[in-house]
Amino acid sequence: MTTAPTGAPEQGAPAASRSARIEALAFVGLLVVLSIAMLVVTSSIREPAGSTNGLGARVVPYAVCGLMLVSSLVVLVQQLRGRFGSADEGEDVDLEHGTAWLPTGIVVLSFLSLIITIPMLGWPLGVTILFAGAALALGAKRWWAAVLAGLAIGVVTQVVFGELLGLSLPITGALTSWIGL
C-alpha cells in the first residue's frame, strides 16, 4: 500500500472544497503580507549610535520575519500547485478526563517565580527554576536533567540576549551578589 507524499491529499480522500481552498490561500497570502509589513517595520527599530554590540536589536526580528516570509511563500507556492493538506479529524484530547490542576498550578507558579528569582538570583538561575519546575510538572522523569537543561537555556539566553544583543538581563541578583556567586 502506498501513501501520498507529505502535504499531498491522500488518494480517495475528497478534494478540498473550493471555498476551503480560497480560505487557505487567503490565509497564507495574509501571512506573506504580514511578513513583508513586519520586515518594513523592523527596519525602523532604532539602535543607539556608536553601539559596540556585534548584533543589534534588529537581528532577531529580521530573522523571525524572514523565516516567516520564506515559509509562507513556500506554502503559497505549494497551494497554487494544488497541494493542500488533508483536514484534521480532531485533536488527541480525552474529553472524559478533567483538567489536571496540580501540574497547571505548578507551571503557573514556575512562571510567577520569575518575579522573585530574577531580582534575587539573576536571569540564568531564574530561568533554571522556571524550566525545571515546568518540566517536572509536565512529567520529566529525571529532575537533574531538567535542572541542567534549564541552566543551559538560562546561560545561552543570557549570552545571546544579554551580551550579544545588549538587553538588560541581570547575570546575578541581590542574593547571589551577597553570597559571592
Protein backbone atom coordinates (compact mmCIF):
# COMPACT_ATOMS: atom_id res chain seq x y z
CA MET A 1 0.00 0.00 0.00
CA THR A 2 1.41 3.37 -0.97
CA THR A 3 0.86 6.61 0.80
CA ALA A 4 0.66 10.07 -0.63
CA PRO A 5 3.67 12.35 -0.24
CA THR A 6 3.68 14.62 2.78
CA GLY A 7 1.36 17.56 2.26
CA ALA A 8 -0.45 15.92 -0.64
CA PRO A 9 -4.05 14.81 -0.27
CA GLU A 10 -4.48 11.09 0.20
CA GLN A 11 -5.86 9.09 -2.68
CA GLY A 12 -9.55 8.57 -2.28
CA ALA A 13 -9.87 11.50 0.08
CA PRO A 14 -12.43 14.06 -1.02
CA ALA A 15 -10.83 17.10 -2.61
CA ALA A 16 -10.94 20.26 -0.58
CA SER A 17 -13.93 22.36 -1.45
CA ARG A 18 -13.40 25.49 -3.49
CA SER A 19 -14.25 27.74 -0.52
CA ALA A 20 -11.79 25.87 1.73
CA ARG A 21 -9.04 26.34 -0.87
CA ILE A 22 -9.82 30.04 -1.19
CA GLU A 23 -9.73 30.42 2.60
CA ALA A 24 -6.39 28.61 2.79
CA LEU A 25 -4.91 30.74 0.00
CA ALA A 26 -6.22 33.93 1.63
CA PHE A 27 -4.72 32.96 4.99
CA VAL A 28 -1.29 32.20 3.51
CA GLY A 29 -1.49 35.39 1.44
CA LEU A 30 -2.20 37.29 4.64
CA LEU A 31 0.90 35.72 6.22
CA VAL A 32 3.01 36.84 3.25
CA VAL A 33 1.69 40.40 3.54
CA LEU A 34 2.16 40.39 7.33
CA SER A 35 5.74 39.14 6.96
CA ILE A 36 6.60 41.87 4.49
CA ALA A 37 4.95 44.53 6.67
CA MET A 38 6.87 43.34 9.73
CA LEU A 39 10.16 43.40 7.79
CA VAL A 40 9.43 47.03 6.86
CA VAL A 41 8.52 47.91 10.46
CA THR A 42 11.66 46.16 11.73
CA SER A 43 13.80 48.48 9.64
CA SER A 44 12.51 51.40 11.75
CA ILE A 45 13.83 49.96 15.04
CA ARG A 46 16.30 52.47 16.43
CA GLU A 47 19.71 51.32 17.52
CA PRO A 48 21.90 53.52 19.68
CA ALA A 49 24.55 55.44 17.79
CA GLY A 50 28.04 54.15 18.46
CA SER A 51 26.75 50.85 19.83
CA THR A 52 29.55 48.35 20.35
CA ASN A 53 27.28 45.33 20.09
CA GLY A 54 28.15 42.94 17.29
CA LEU A 55 24.47 42.28 16.79
CA GLY A 56 21.76 44.87 17.03
CA ALA A 57 18.18 45.00 18.14
CA ARG A 58 17.01 44.25 14.58
CA VAL A 59 18.69 40.85 14.18
CA VAL A 60 16.08 38.64 15.83
CA PRO A 61 13.05 40.40 14.30
CA TYR A 62 14.68 40.22 10.85
CA ALA A 63 15.42 36.51 11.32
CA VAL A 64 11.89 35.68 12.54
CA CYS A 65 10.15 37.76 9.87
CA GLY A 66 12.45 36.45 7.16
CA LEU A 67 11.79 32.84 8.13
CA MET A 68 8.07 33.56 8.29
CA LEU A 69 8.16 35.11 4.81
CA VAL A 70 10.13 32.23 3.27
CA SER A 71 7.95 29.54 4.86
CA SER A 72 4.69 31.27 3.92
CA LEU A 73 5.92 31.71 0.33
CA VAL A 74 6.78 28.01 0.15
CA VAL A 75 3.29 27.09 1.39
CA LEU A 76 1.69 29.58 -1.02
CA VAL A 77 3.56 28.08 -3.99
CA GLN A 78 2.53 24.58 -2.92
CA GLN A 79 -1.09 25.66 -2.60
CA LEU A 80 -1.02 27.32 -6.02
CA ARG A 81 0.19 23.96 -7.37
CA GLY A 82 -2.88 22.34 -5.82
CA ARG A 83 -1.21 20.69 -2.85
CA PHE A 84 -3.40 21.09 0.20
CA GLY A 85 -3.04 19.03 3.35
CA SER A 86 -5.83 16.79 4.49
CA ALA A 87 -8.19 18.15 7.12
CA ASP A 88 -7.62 17.08 10.70
CA GLU A 89 -10.14 14.74 12.25
CA GLY A 90 -9.76 16.33 15.65
CA GLU A 91 -7.33 16.67 18.47
CA ASP A 92 -5.99 13.85 20.60
CA VAL A 93 -7.82 15.08 23.65
CA ASP A 94 -9.52 12.75 26.05
CA LEU A 95 -12.69 14.62 26.91
CA GLU A 96 -13.50 12.14 29.68
CA HIS A 97 -10.75 13.50 31.93
CA GLY A 98 -10.88 16.92 33.51
CA THR A 99 -8.12 19.46 33.84
CA ALA A 100 -5.02 18.38 35.75
CA TRP A 101 -4.97 21.30 38.16
CA LEU A 102 -1.82 20.34 40.09
CA PRO A 103 0.53 20.38 37.06
CA THR A 104 -1.23 23.50 35.77
CA GLY A 105 -0.72 25.25 39.11
CA ILE A 106 2.95 24.23 39.27
CA VAL A 107 3.59 25.60 35.75
CA VAL A 108 1.85 28.88 36.65
CA LEU A 109 3.87 29.13 39.87
CA SER A 110 7.06 28.41 37.93
CA PHE A 111 6.34 31.37 35.67
CA LEU A 112 5.39 33.58 38.61
CA SER A 113 8.62 32.60 40.37
CA LEU A 114 10.49 34.79 37.87
CA ILE A 115 9.16 37.84 39.74
CA ILE A 116 11.26 36.81 42.74
CA THR A 117 14.06 34.74 41.26
CA ILE A 118 15.36 37.17 38.63
CA PRO A 119 15.92 40.07 41.08
CA MET A 120 17.23 37.75 43.80
CA LEU A 121 19.23 35.16 41.81
CA GLY A 122 19.71 36.62 38.33
CA TRP A 123 18.49 35.57 34.90
CA PRO A 124 20.25 32.20 34.45
CA LEU A 125 19.16 30.80 37.82
CA GLY A 126 15.65 32.22 37.46
CA VAL A 127 15.25 30.50 34.10
CA THR A 128 16.67 27.30 35.58
CA ILE A 129 13.96 27.27 38.26
CA LEU A 130 11.26 28.13 35.71
CA PHE A 131 12.27 25.39 33.28
CA ALA A 132 12.90 22.72 35.91
CA GLY A 133 9.59 23.41 37.65
CA ALA A 134 7.59 23.36 34.42
CA ALA A 135 9.40 20.27 33.09
CA LEU A 136 8.85 18.33 36.31
CA ALA A 137 5.18 19.36 36.45
CA LEU A 138 4.72 18.17 32.88
CA GLY A 139 6.25 14.77 33.56
CA ALA A 140 10.05 14.96 33.25
CA LYS A 141 11.47 11.74 34.68
CA ARG A 142 14.92 12.94 35.80
CA TRP A 143 14.98 16.08 37.93
CA TRP A 144 18.70 16.61 37.40
CA ALA A 145 18.27 16.58 33.60
CA ALA A 146 15.52 19.21 33.89
CA VAL A 147 17.77 21.38 36.08
CA LEU A 148 20.74 21.04 33.70
CA ALA A 149 18.59 21.80 30.66
CA GLY A 150 17.13 24.84 32.44
CA LEU A 151 20.60 26.06 33.37
CA ALA A 152 21.79 25.62 29.78
CA ILE A 153 18.79 27.58 28.48
CA GLY A 154 19.37 30.31 31.06
CA VAL A 155 23.06 30.67 30.21
CA VAL A 156 22.51 30.57 26.43
CA THR A 157 19.73 33.17 26.55
CA GLN A 158 21.89 35.32 28.84
CA VAL A 159 24.75 35.22 26.35
CA VAL A 160 22.60 35.74 23.25
CA PHE A 161 20.23 38.38 24.57
CA GLY A 162 22.26 39.94 27.37
CA GLU A 163 25.70 40.02 25.80
CA LEU A 164 25.24 39.87 22.01
CA LEU A 165 22.04 41.90 21.73
CA GLY A 166 22.77 44.16 24.68
CA LEU A 167 19.49 43.64 26.52
CA SER A 168 19.39 44.20 30.25
CA LEU A 169 19.31 40.72 31.76
CA PRO A 170 20.90 40.58 35.20
CA ILE A 171 23.53 37.85 35.46
CA THR A 172 23.37 37.91 39.24
CA GLY A 173 20.76 39.08 41.67
CA ALA A 174 20.79 40.58 45.14
CA LEU A 175 21.15 37.24 46.91
CA THR A 176 23.80 35.80 44.59
CA SER A 177 25.83 39.03 44.80
CA TRP A 178 25.57 38.97 48.59
CA ILE A 179 26.82 35.37 48.92
CA GLY A 180 29.52 35.89 46.31
CA LEU A 181 28.23 33.93 43.31
